[in-house]
Amino acid sequence: MQQVKSAEHIHVSPYVYFVVSAIFHYLGPAFAVLLFAHVGVLGVAWLRIASAALIFAAWRRPWRAFLGGSWRRRRLLMALGVTLGLMNACFYLAIARLPLGTVGAIEFLGEIALAALGARTRRNALALALAIGGGALLADVRLGGEPLGFVFAFANAALFMLYVVLGHRIAQDGGSAGIDRLGAAMLFALCAITPLGLGEALPAFTSAQLVLAGVGVGVCSSVIPYVTDQLAMAQLPRATFALLLSLLPAVATIIGAVVLLQIPAPAEIAGIALIMIGVAAHQESAA
């Protein structure tokens, strides 16, 4: 009996949750790129969010979290939902034009503003500088890419930074409450993306394989990473989580190479190394 009780209270490190989130954050989009040949870019984004919203609806019944909250909490969930919808649209429009690793690097650059707010020691300032250098090096490699792709990539970076801020607010209570609120926000994300992507998604419904592929992208991109984000955010300070996000360009580059055969140049590898060193040098404050 005592063994069962202890098993139920096994503590999972927030860093484990983060690693799972980081992998699936780009594994799903890598599969989405393969779908672009059959479904429009915004159509794939719609399939991703729609499948995630339906899964959350069946799993968590998130409307209870929305209806049971204050009007201030409801506004927060609506804002997070719109942010998720627009962020996913911009992200997919960017990766349709630029390598996944480049978009990941630009996405990271938006987070550095959050990490800077928590850098209160010389060691953390050094870690931050290394991460900035690595991210800038990764982005600089691809400056000759399509200009419109960079517009969408930087818009995605700004929205991703807003997602981290709003995501931490709904994760404050920890446990399942944050996941329920995330599910409610995903319903609003579906409302935001539907006018943009439903038309492009309709051709997918002529093929069961395309629909299943879209659902797989949704699970890998919007269910697993966002749930593990909530579990990590509930235990980590926002500045620590923001700096850990500097791992994302490295993960994006590796997944881009393995799944999409987007082989990184030597300068990109150097950027990944700088980011990894910066994250390793980071020290969480006692507070």
C-alpha atoms as a PDB file:
ATOM      1  CA  MET A   1       0.000   0.000   0.000  1.00  0.00           C
ATOM      2  CA  GLN A   2       2.841   2.328   0.876  1.00  0.00           C
ATOM      3  CA  GLN A   3       4.563   1.537  -2.425  1.00  0.00           C
ATOM      4  CA  VAL A   4       1.414   2.443  -4.383  1.00  0.00           C
ATOM      5  CA  LYS A   5       1.099   5.707  -2.502  1.00  0.00           C
ATOM      6  CA  SER A   6       4.720   6.654  -3.169  1.00  0.00           C
ATOM      7  CA  ALA A   7       4.351   5.767  -6.844  1.00  0.00           C
ATOM      8  CA  GLU A   8       1.423   8.165  -7.126  1.00  0.00           C
ATOM      9  CA  HIS A   9       3.579  10.979  -5.785  1.00  0.00           C
ATOM     10  CA  ILE A  10       6.583  10.504  -8.072  1.00  0.00           C
ATOM     11  CA  HIS A  11       7.963  13.946  -8.847  1.00  0.00           C
ATOM     12  CA  VAL A  12       8.873  14.585 -12.484  1.00  0.00           C
ATOM     13  CA  SER A  13      11.477  17.278 -12.997  1.00  0.00           C
ATOM     14  CA  PRO A  14      10.215  20.335 -14.912  1.00  0.00           C
ATOM     15  CA  TYR A  15      13.304  19.969 -17.098  1.00  0.00           C
ATOM     16  CA  VAL A  16      12.028  16.571 -18.281  1.00  0.00           C
ATOM     17  CA  TYR A  17       8.751  18.204 -19.257  1.00  0.00           C
ATOM     18  CA  PHE A  18      10.686  20.904 -21.077  1.00  0.00           C
ATOM     19  CA  VAL A  19      12.778  18.433 -23.076  1.00  0.00           C
ATOM     20  CA  VAL A  20       9.646  16.575 -24.190  1.00  0.00           C
ATOM     21  CA  SER A  21       8.056  19.894 -25.166  1.00  0.00           C
ATOM     22  CA  ALA A  22      11.154  21.016 -27.083  1.00  0.00           C
ATOM     23  CA  ILE A  23      11.284  17.817 -29.144  1.00  0.00           C
ATOM     24  CA  PHE A  24       7.618  17.810 -30.092  1.00  0.00           C
ATOM     25  CA  HIS A  25       7.556  21.582 -30.584  1.00  0.00           C
ATOM     26  CA  TYR A  26       9.410  21.042 -33.874  1.00  0.00           C
ATOM     27  CA  LEU A  27       8.777  17.377 -34.630  1.00  0.00           C
ATOM     28  CA  GLY A  28       5.126  18.137 -35.384  1.00  0.00           C
ATOM     29  CA  PRO A  29       5.926  21.113 -37.673  1.00  0.00           C
ATOM     30  CA  ALA A  30       8.527  19.005 -39.501  1.00  0.00           C
ATOM     31  CA  PHE A  31       5.752  16.540 -40.357  1.00  0.00           C
ATOM     32  CA  ALA A  32       3.545  19.517 -41.272  1.00  0.00           C
ATOM     33  CA  VAL A  33       6.097  20.635 -43.888  1.00  0.00           C
ATOM     34  CA  LEU A  34       5.679  17.243 -45.557  1.00  0.00           C
ATOM     35  CA  LEU A  35       1.906  17.899 -45.699  1.00  0.00           C
ATOM     36  CA  PHE A  36       2.340  21.226 -47.505  1.00  0.00           C
ATOM     37  CA  ALA A  37       2.557  19.370 -50.841  1.00  0.00           C
ATOM     38  CA  HIS A  38      -1.057  18.201 -50.406  1.00  0.00           C
ATOM     39  CA  VAL A  39      -2.758  20.848 -48.226  1.00  0.00           C
ATOM     40  CA  GLY A  40      -2.360  24.638 -48.136  1.00  0.00           C
ATOM     41  CA  VAL A  41      -0.118  26.068 -45.425  1.00  0.00           C
ATOM     42  CA  LEU A  42      -2.941  27.729 -43.486  1.00  0.00           C
ATOM     43  CA  GLY A  43      -5.038  24.604 -44.025  1.00  0.00           C
ATOM     44  CA  VAL A  44      -2.407  22.536 -42.216  1.00  0.00           C
ATOM     45  CA  ALA A  45      -2.396  25.117 -39.415  1.00  0.00           C
ATOM     46  CA  TRP A  46      -6.181  24.798 -39.159  1.00  0.00           C
ATOM     47  CA  LEU A  47      -5.996  20.983 -39.034  1.00  0.00           C
ATOM     48  CA  ARG A  48      -3.391  21.238 -36.276  1.00  0.00           C
ATOM     49  CA  ILE A  49      -5.454  23.536 -34.066  1.00  0.00           C
ATOM     50  CA  ALA A  50      -8.818  21.914 -34.829  1.00  0.00           C
ATOM     51  CA  SER A  51      -7.592  18.433 -33.912  1.00  0.00           C
ATOM     52  CA  ALA A  52      -5.948  19.739 -30.732  1.00  0.00           C
ATOM     53  CA  ALA A  53      -9.093  21.657 -29.747  1.00  0.00           C
ATOM     54  CA  LEU A  54     -11.258  18.546 -30.227  1.00  0.00           C
ATOM     55  CA  ILE A  55      -8.862  16.405 -28.192  1.00  0.00           C
ATOM     56  CA  PHE A  56      -8.832  18.924 -25.340  1.00  0.00           C
ATOM     57  CA  ALA A  57     -12.631  19.207 -25.510  1.00  0.00           C
ATOM     58  CA  ALA A  58     -13.110  15.446 -25.189  1.00  0.00           C
ATOM     59  CA  TRP A  59     -10.335  15.008 -22.616  1.00  0.00           C
ATOM     60  CA  ARG A  60     -10.713  18.006 -20.291  1.00  0.00           C
ATOM     61  CA  ARG A  61     -14.134  19.580 -21.058  1.00  0.00           C
ATOM     62  CA  PRO A  62     -12.387  22.947 -20.823  1.00  0.00           C
ATOM     63  CA  TRP A  63     -15.519  25.109 -21.112  1.00  0.00           C
ATOM     64  CA  ARG A  64     -16.036  24.453 -17.405  1.00  0.00           C
ATOM     65  CA  ALA A  65     -12.746  26.198 -16.636  1.00  0.00           C
ATOM     66  CA  PHE A  66     -13.827  29.123 -18.807  1.00  0.00           C
ATOM     67  CA  LEU A  67     -17.366  29.475 -17.434  1.00  0.00           C
ATOM     68  CA  GLY A  68     -16.224  28.956 -13.844  1.00  0.00           C
ATOM     69  CA  GLY A  69     -13.584  31.693 -13.953  1.00  0.00           C
ATOM     70  CA  SER A  70     -13.804  35.421 -13.370  1.00  0.00           C
ATOM     71  CA  TRP A  71     -14.275  37.808 -16.284  1.00  0.00           C
ATOM     72  CA  ARG A  72     -10.599  38.752 -15.943  1.00  0.00           C
ATOM     73  CA  ARG A  73      -9.610  35.074 -16.305  1.00  0.00           C
ATOM     74  CA  ARG A  74     -11.931  34.691 -19.280  1.00  0.00           C
ATOM     75  CA  ARG A  75     -10.282  37.634 -21.035  1.00  0.00           C
ATOM     76  CA  LEU A  76      -6.891  36.025 -20.384  1.00  0.00           C
ATOM     77  CA  LEU A  77      -8.004  32.742 -21.941  1.00  0.00           C
ATOM     78  CA  MET A  78      -9.463  34.512 -24.971  1.00  0.00           C
ATOM     79  CA  ALA A  79      -6.240  36.497 -25.409  1.00  0.00           C
ATOM     80  CA  LEU A  80      -4.162  33.320 -25.164  1.00  0.00           C
ATOM     81  CA  GLY A  81      -6.420  31.593 -27.697  1.00  0.00           C
ATOM     82  CA  VAL A  82      -6.117  34.375 -30.262  1.00  0.00           C
ATOM     83  CA  THR A  83      -2.355  34.431 -29.666  1.00  0.00           C
ATOM     84  CA  LEU A  84      -2.098  30.668 -30.268  1.00  0.00           C
ATOM     85  CA  GLY A  85      -4.159  30.882 -33.452  1.00  0.00           C
ATOM     86  CA  LEU A  86      -2.171  33.734 -35.004  1.00  0.00           C
ATOM     87  CA  MET A  87       1.153  32.344 -33.765  1.00  0.00           C
ATOM     88  CA  ASN A  88       0.565  29.005 -35.463  1.00  0.00           C
ATOM     89  CA  ALA A  89      -0.496  30.694 -38.700  1.00  0.00           C
ATOM     90  CA  CYS A  90       2.634  32.880 -38.777  1.00  0.00           C
ATOM     91  CA  PHE A  91       4.864  29.937 -37.842  1.00  0.00           C
ATOM     92  CA  TYR A  92       3.596  27.752 -40.672  1.00  0.00           C
ATOM     93  CA  LEU A  93       3.784  30.598 -43.190  1.00  0.00           C
ATOM     94  CA  ALA A  94       7.410  31.081 -42.094  1.00  0.00           C
ATOM     95  CA  ILE A  95       8.511  27.416 -42.265  1.00  0.00           C
ATOM     96  CA  ALA A  96       6.928  27.156 -45.729  1.00  0.00           C
ATOM     97  CA  ARG A  97       9.536  29.721 -46.881  1.00  0.00           C
ATOM     98  CA  LEU A  98      12.542  29.248 -44.586  1.00  0.00           C
ATOM     99  CA  PRO A  99      14.419  26.262 -43.071  1.00  0.00           C
ATOM    100  CA  LEU A 100      12.975  25.032 -39.779  1.00  0.00           C
ATOM    101  CA  GLY A 101      16.221  25.815 -37.927  1.00  0.00           C
ATOM    102  CA  THR A 102      16.187  29.438 -39.093  1.00  0.00           C
ATOM    103  CA  VAL A 103      12.611  29.976 -37.947  1.00  0.00           C
ATOM    104  CA  GLY A 104      13.482  28.319 -34.638  1.00  0.00           C
ATOM    105  CA  ALA A 105      16.402  30.701 -34.168  1.00  0.00           C
ATOM    106  CA  ILE A 106      14.273  33.772 -34.850  1.00  0.00           C
ATOM    107  CA  GLU A 107      11.578  32.399 -32.545  1.00  0.00           C
ATOM    108  CA  PHE A 108      14.192  32.188 -29.796  1.00  0.00           C
ATOM    109  CA  LEU A 109      15.321  35.797 -30.283  1.00  0.00           C
ATOM    110  CA  GLY A 110      11.936  37.024 -29.088  1.00  0.00           C
ATOM    111  CA  GLU A 111      12.361  35.115 -25.838  1.00  0.00           C
ATOM    112  CA  ILE A 112      15.654  36.756 -24.971  1.00  0.00           C
ATOM    113  CA  ALA A 113      13.789  39.838 -23.754  1.00  0.00           C
ATOM    114  CA  LEU A 114      12.049  37.686 -21.129  1.00  0.00           C
ATOM    115  CA  ALA A 115      15.241  35.926 -20.091  1.00  0.00           C
ATOM    116  CA  ALA A 116      17.015  39.291 -19.717  1.00  0.00           C
ATOM    117  CA  LEU A 117      14.495  40.298 -17.043  1.00  0.00           C
ATOM    118  CA  GLY A 118      15.673  37.400 -14.866  1.00  0.00           C
ATOM    119  CA  ALA A 119      19.453  37.748 -15.420  1.00  0.00           C
ATOM    120  CA  ARG A 120      20.588  39.103 -12.047  1.00  0.00           C
ATOM    121  CA  THR A 121      24.049  37.522 -11.784  1.00  0.00           C
ATOM    122  CA  ARG A 122      27.215  37.684 -13.867  1.00  0.00           C
ATOM    123  CA  ARG A 123      26.960  33.991 -14.617  1.00  0.00           C
ATOM    124  CA  ASN A 124      23.420  34.364 -15.929  1.00  0.00           C
ATOM    125  CA  ALA A 125      24.407  37.452 -17.911  1.00  0.00           C
ATOM    126  CA  LEU A 126      27.219  35.423 -19.537  1.00  0.00           C
ATOM    127  CA  ALA A 127      24.826  32.567 -20.263  1.00  0.00           C
ATOM    128  CA  LEU A 128      22.426  35.031 -21.836  1.00  0.00           C
ATOM    129  CA  ALA A 129      25.181  36.576 -23.981  1.00  0.00           C
ATOM    130  CA  LEU A 130      26.235  33.134 -25.248  1.00  0.00           C
ATOM    131  CA  ALA A 131      22.648  32.245 -26.078  1.00  0.00           C
ATOM    132  CA  ILE A 132      22.154  35.538 -27.932  1.00  0.00           C
ATOM    133  CA  GLY A 133      25.350  34.967 -29.912  1.00  0.00           C
ATOM    134  CA  GLY A 134      24.323  31.457 -30.879  1.00  0.00           C
ATOM    135  CA  GLY A 135      20.824  32.492 -31.893  1.00  0.00           C
ATOM    136  CA  ALA A 136      22.105  35.448 -33.907  1.00  0.00           C
ATOM    137  CA  LEU A 137      24.638  33.227 -35.674  1.00  0.00           C
ATOM    138  CA  LEU A 138      21.941  30.744 -36.626  1.00  0.00           C
ATOM    139  CA  ALA A 139      19.708  33.498 -37.981  1.00  0.00           C
ATOM    140  CA  ASP A 140      22.509  35.296 -39.818  1.00  0.00           C
ATOM    141  CA  VAL A 141      23.331  32.204 -41.880  1.00  0.00           C
ATOM    142  CA  ARG A 142      20.032  32.490 -43.720  1.00  0.00           C
ATOM    143  CA  LEU A 143      19.770  36.246 -44.349  1.00  0.00           C
ATOM    144  CA  GLY A 144      19.579  35.550 -48.086  1.00  0.00           C
ATOM    145  CA  GLY A 145      16.262  33.719 -47.724  1.00  0.00           C
ATOM    146  CA  GLU A 146      12.831  34.884 -48.784  1.00  0.00           C
ATOM    147  CA  PRO A 147      12.057  38.297 -47.167  1.00  0.00           C
ATOM    148  CA  LEU A 148       8.376  37.503 -46.560  1.00  0.00           C
ATOM    149  CA  GLY A 149       9.442  34.404 -44.650  1.00  0.00           C
ATOM    150  CA  PHE A 150      11.398  36.602 -42.237  1.00  0.00           C
ATOM    151  CA  VAL A 151       8.363  38.865 -41.753  1.00  0.00           C
ATOM    152  CA  PHE A 152       6.259  35.888 -40.676  1.00  0.00           C
ATOM    153  CA  ALA A 153       9.140  34.486 -38.590  1.00  0.00           C
ATOM    154  CA  PHE A 154       9.554  37.698 -36.595  1.00  0.00           C
ATOM    155  CA  ALA A 155       5.775  38.021 -36.169  1.00  0.00           C
ATOM    156  CA  ASN A 156       5.777  34.444 -34.831  1.00  0.00           C
ATOM    157  CA  ALA A 157       8.633  35.344 -32.447  1.00  0.00           C
ATOM    158  CA  ALA A 158       6.644  38.239 -30.972  1.00  0.00           C
ATOM    159  CA  LEU A 159       3.537  36.080 -30.597  1.00  0.00           C
ATOM    160  CA  PHE A 160       5.558  33.238 -29.058  1.00  0.00           C
ATOM    161  CA  MET A 161       6.927  35.642 -26.448  1.00  0.00           C
ATOM    162  CA  LEU A 162       3.343  36.681 -25.658  1.00  0.00           C
ATOM    163  CA  TYR A 163       2.384  32.995 -25.426  1.00  0.00           C
ATOM    164  CA  VAL A 164       5.056  32.423 -22.758  1.00  0.00           C
ATOM    165  CA  VAL A 165       3.811  35.408 -20.713  1.00  0.00           C
ATOM    166  CA  LEU A 166       0.139  34.419 -20.933  1.00  0.00           C
ATOM    167  CA  GLY A 167       0.936  30.720 -20.540  1.00  0.00           C
ATOM    168  CA  HIS A 168       2.698  31.383 -17.243  1.00  0.00           C
ATOM    169  CA  ARG A 169      -0.320  33.286 -15.980  1.00  0.00           C
ATOM    170  CA  ILE A 170      -2.709  30.397 -16.569  1.00  0.00           C
ATOM    171  CA  ALA A 171      -0.174  27.928 -15.086  1.00  0.00           C
ATOM    172  CA  GLN A 172       0.082  29.710 -11.730  1.00  0.00           C
ATOM    173  CA  ASP A 173      -2.152  27.279  -9.848  1.00  0.00           C
ATOM    174  CA  GLY A 174      -0.261  24.244 -11.174  1.00  0.00           C
ATOM    175  CA  GLY A 175      -1.736  20.784 -11.557  1.00  0.00           C
ATOM    176  CA  SER A 176      -4.584  20.174 -13.986  1.00  0.00           C
ATOM    177  CA  ALA A 177      -6.017  23.692 -13.739  1.00  0.00           C
ATOM    178  CA  GLY A 178      -3.501  25.064 -16.215  1.00  0.00           C
ATOM    179  CA  ILE A 179      -4.215  22.247 -18.689  1.00  0.00           C
ATOM    180  CA  ASP A 180      -7.975  22.886 -18.441  1.00  0.00           C
ATOM    181  CA  ARG A 181      -7.406  26.578 -19.148  1.00  0.00           C
ATOM    182  CA  LEU A 182      -5.105  25.695 -22.033  1.00  0.00           C
ATOM    183  CA  GLY A 183      -7.906  23.567 -23.496  1.00  0.00           C
ATOM    184  CA  ALA A 184     -10.311  26.494 -23.207  1.00  0.00           C
ATOM    185  CA  ALA A 185      -7.784  28.774 -24.922  1.00  0.00           C
ATOM    186  CA  MET A 186      -7.402  26.221 -27.734  1.00  0.00           C
ATOM    187  CA  LEU A 187     -11.117  26.535 -28.503  1.00  0.00           C
ATOM    188  CA  PHE A 188     -10.621  30.274 -29.000  1.00  0.00           C
ATOM    189  CA  ALA A 189      -7.527  29.526 -31.089  1.00  0.00           C
ATOM    190  CA  LEU A 190      -9.773  27.475 -33.374  1.00  0.00           C
ATOM    191  CA  CYS A 191     -12.157  30.433 -33.662  1.00  0.00           C
ATOM    192  CA  ALA A 192      -9.227  32.694 -34.586  1.00  0.00           C
ATOM    193  CA  ILE A 193      -7.702  30.371 -37.213  1.00  0.00           C
ATOM    194  CA  THR A 194     -10.955  29.232 -38.868  1.00  0.00           C
ATOM    195  CA  PRO A 195     -11.502  32.335 -41.068  1.00  0.00           C
ATOM    196  CA  LEU A 196      -7.876  32.066 -42.240  1.00  0.00           C
ATOM    197  CA  GLY A 197      -7.414  28.338 -42.740  1.00  0.00           C
ATOM    198  CA  LEU A 198     -10.674  26.422 -43.071  1.00  0.00           C
ATOM    199  CA  GLY A 199     -10.943  27.023 -46.823  1.00  0.00           C
ATOM    200  CA  GLU A 200      -7.445  25.628 -47.430  1.00  0.00           C
ATOM    201  CA  ALA A 201      -8.124  22.668 -45.123  1.00  0.00           C
ATOM    202  CA  LEU A 202     -11.247  21.443 -46.977  1.00  0.00           C
ATOM    203  CA  PRO A 203      -9.323  19.453 -49.661  1.00  0.00           C
ATOM    204  CA  ALA A 204      -7.809  17.321 -46.880  1.00  0.00           C
ATOM    205  CA  PHE A 205     -11.248  15.864 -46.092  1.00  0.00           C
ATOM    206  CA  THR A 206     -11.223  14.004 -49.420  1.00  0.00           C
ATOM    207  CA  SER A 207      -8.537  11.696 -48.019  1.00  0.00           C
ATOM    208  CA  ALA A 208      -8.625   9.830 -44.725  1.00  0.00           C
ATOM    209  CA  GLN A 209      -4.816   9.669 -44.754  1.00  0.00           C
ATOM    210  CA  LEU A 210      -4.515  13.456 -44.967  1.00  0.00           C
ATOM    211  CA  VAL A 211      -6.996  13.922 -42.131  1.00  0.00           C
ATOM    212  CA  LEU A 212      -5.118  11.427 -39.958  1.00  0.00           C
ATOM    213  CA  ALA A 213      -1.832  13.144 -40.816  1.00  0.00           C
ATOM    214  CA  GLY A 214      -3.354  16.476 -39.785  1.00  0.00           C
ATOM    215  CA  VAL A 215      -4.516  14.967 -36.497  1.00  0.00           C
ATOM    216  CA  GLY A 216      -1.008  13.577 -35.937  1.00  0.00           C
ATOM    217  CA  VAL A 217       0.464  17.019 -36.497  1.00  0.00           C
ATOM    218  CA  GLY A 218      -2.023  18.456 -33.991  1.00  0.00           C
ATOM    219  CA  VAL A 219      -1.134  15.885 -31.333  1.00  0.00           C
ATOM    220  CA  CYS A 220       2.620  16.330 -31.845  1.00  0.00           C
ATOM    221  CA  SER A 221       2.486  20.115 -32.186  1.00  0.00           C
ATOM    222  CA  SER A 222      -0.297  21.429 -29.964  1.00  0.00           C
ATOM    223  CA  VAL A 223      -1.253  18.745 -27.432  1.00  0.00           C
ATOM    224  CA  ILE A 224       1.973  17.156 -26.192  1.00  0.00           C
ATOM    225  CA  PRO A 225       4.201  20.285 -26.218  1.00  0.00           C
ATOM    226  CA  TYR A 226       1.600  22.676 -24.802  1.00  0.00           C
ATOM    227  CA  VAL A 227       0.605  20.292 -21.997  1.00  0.00           C
ATOM    228  CA  THR A 228       4.236  19.676 -21.034  1.00  0.00           C
ATOM    229  CA  ASP A 229       4.836  23.445 -21.280  1.00  0.00           C
ATOM    230  CA  GLN A 230       2.118  23.961 -18.677  1.00  0.00           C
ATOM    231  CA  LEU A 231       3.618  21.309 -16.397  1.00  0.00           C
ATOM    232  CA  ALA A 232       7.062  22.915 -16.721  1.00  0.00           C
ATOM    233  CA  MET A 233       5.796  26.500 -16.343  1.00  0.00           C
ATOM    234  CA  ALA A 234       4.004  25.543 -13.130  1.00  0.00           C
ATOM    235  CA  GLN A 235       7.383  24.692 -11.539  1.00  0.00           C
ATOM    236  CA  LEU A 236       9.874  27.044 -13.213  1.00  0.00           C
ATOM    237  CA  PRO A 237      10.286  30.832 -12.925  1.00  0.00           C
ATOM    238  CA  ARG A 238       9.400  32.617 -16.143  1.00  0.00           C
ATOM    239  CA  ALA A 239      12.963  33.860 -16.699  1.00  0.00           C
ATOM    240  CA  THR A 240      14.379  30.330 -16.298  1.00  0.00           C
ATOM    241  CA  PHE A 241      11.830  28.905 -18.717  1.00  0.00           C
ATOM    242  CA  ALA A 242      12.558  31.694 -21.204  1.00  0.00           C
ATOM    243  CA  LEU A 243      16.292  31.008 -21.165  1.00  0.00           C
ATOM    244  CA  LEU A 244      15.733  27.272 -21.550  1.00  0.00           C
ATOM    245  CA  LEU A 245      13.834  28.112 -24.718  1.00  0.00           C
ATOM    246  CA  SER A 246      17.208  28.998 -26.232  1.00  0.00           C
ATOM    247  CA  LEU A 247      17.497  25.236 -26.800  1.00  0.00           C
ATOM    248  CA  LEU A 248      14.747  25.420 -29.398  1.00  0.00           C
ATOM    249  CA  PRO A 249      16.905  26.575 -32.345  1.00  0.00           C
ATOM    250  CA  ALA A 250      19.227  23.633 -31.758  1.00  0.00           C
ATOM    251  CA  VAL A 251      16.304  21.197 -31.564  1.00  0.00           C
ATOM    252  CA  ALA A 252      14.742  22.738 -34.672  1.00  0.00           C
ATOM    253  CA  THR A 253      17.990  22.460 -36.627  1.00  0.00           C
ATOM    254  CA  ILE A 254      18.518  18.817 -35.635  1.00  0.00           C
ATOM    255  CA  ILE A 255      14.926  17.812 -36.457  1.00  0.00           C
ATOM    256  CA  GLY A 256      15.104  19.771 -39.711  1.00  0.00           C
ATOM    257  CA  ALA A 257      18.205  17.798 -40.672  1.00  0.00           C
ATOM    258  CA  VAL A 258      16.802  14.391 -39.695  1.00  0.00           C
ATOM    259  CA  VAL A 259      13.231  14.712 -40.995  1.00  0.00           C
ATOM    260  CA  LEU A 260      13.527  17.300 -43.795  1.00  0.00           C
ATOM    261  CA  LEU A 261      17.180  16.755 -44.781  1.00  0.00           C
ATOM    262  CA  GLN A 262      17.903  20.471 -44.160  1.00  0.00           C
ATOM    263  CA  ILE A 263      21.584  19.913 -43.352  1.00  0.00           C
ATOM    264  CA  PRO A 264      23.085  22.729 -41.226  1.00  0.00           C
ATOM    265  CA  ALA A 265      26.149  24.658 -42.345  1.00  0.00           C
ATOM    266  CA  PRO A 266      29.258  24.861 -40.097  1.00  0.00           C
ATOM    267  CA  ALA A 267      28.194  28.315 -38.879  1.00  0.00           C
ATOM    268  CA  GLU A 268      24.813  26.895 -37.851  1.00  0.00           C
ATOM    269  CA  ILE A 269      26.538  24.120 -35.904  1.00  0.00           C
ATOM    270  CA  ALA A 270      28.640  26.777 -34.140  1.00  0.00           C
ATOM    271  CA  GLY A 271      25.460  28.637 -33.239  1.00  0.00           C
ATOM    272  CA  ILE A 272      23.943  25.481 -31.767  1.00  0.00           C
ATOM    273  CA  ALA A 273      27.084  24.930 -29.682  1.00  0.00           C
ATOM    274  CA  LEU A 274      26.958  28.490 -28.300  1.00  0.00           C
ATOM    275  CA  ILE A 275      23.326  28.067 -27.317  1.00  0.00           C
ATOM    276  CA  MET A 276      23.985  24.743 -25.603  1.00  0.00           C
ATOM    277  CA  ILE A 277      26.887  26.250 -23.624  1.00  0.00           C
ATOM    278  CA  GLY A 278      24.738  29.214 -22.643  1.00  0.00           C
ATOM    279  CA  VAL A 279      21.982  26.974 -21.321  1.00  0.00           C
ATOM    280  CA  ALA A 280      24.511  24.817 -19.437  1.00  0.00           C
ATOM    281  CA  ALA A 281      26.041  27.941 -17.839  1.00  0.00           C
ATOM    282  CA  HIS A 282      22.656  29.250 -16.686  1.00  0.00           C
ATOM    283  CA  GLN A 283      22.055  29.073 -12.942  1.00  0.00           C
ATOM    284  CA  GLU A 284      18.580  29.325 -11.498  1.00  0.00           C
ATOM    285  CA  SER A 285      18.277  31.828  -8.659  1.00  0.00           C
ATOM    286  CA  ALA A 286      17.322  30.684  -5.186  1.00  0.00           C
ATOM    287  CA  ALA A 287      14.186  32.794  -5.388  1.00  0.00           C
END
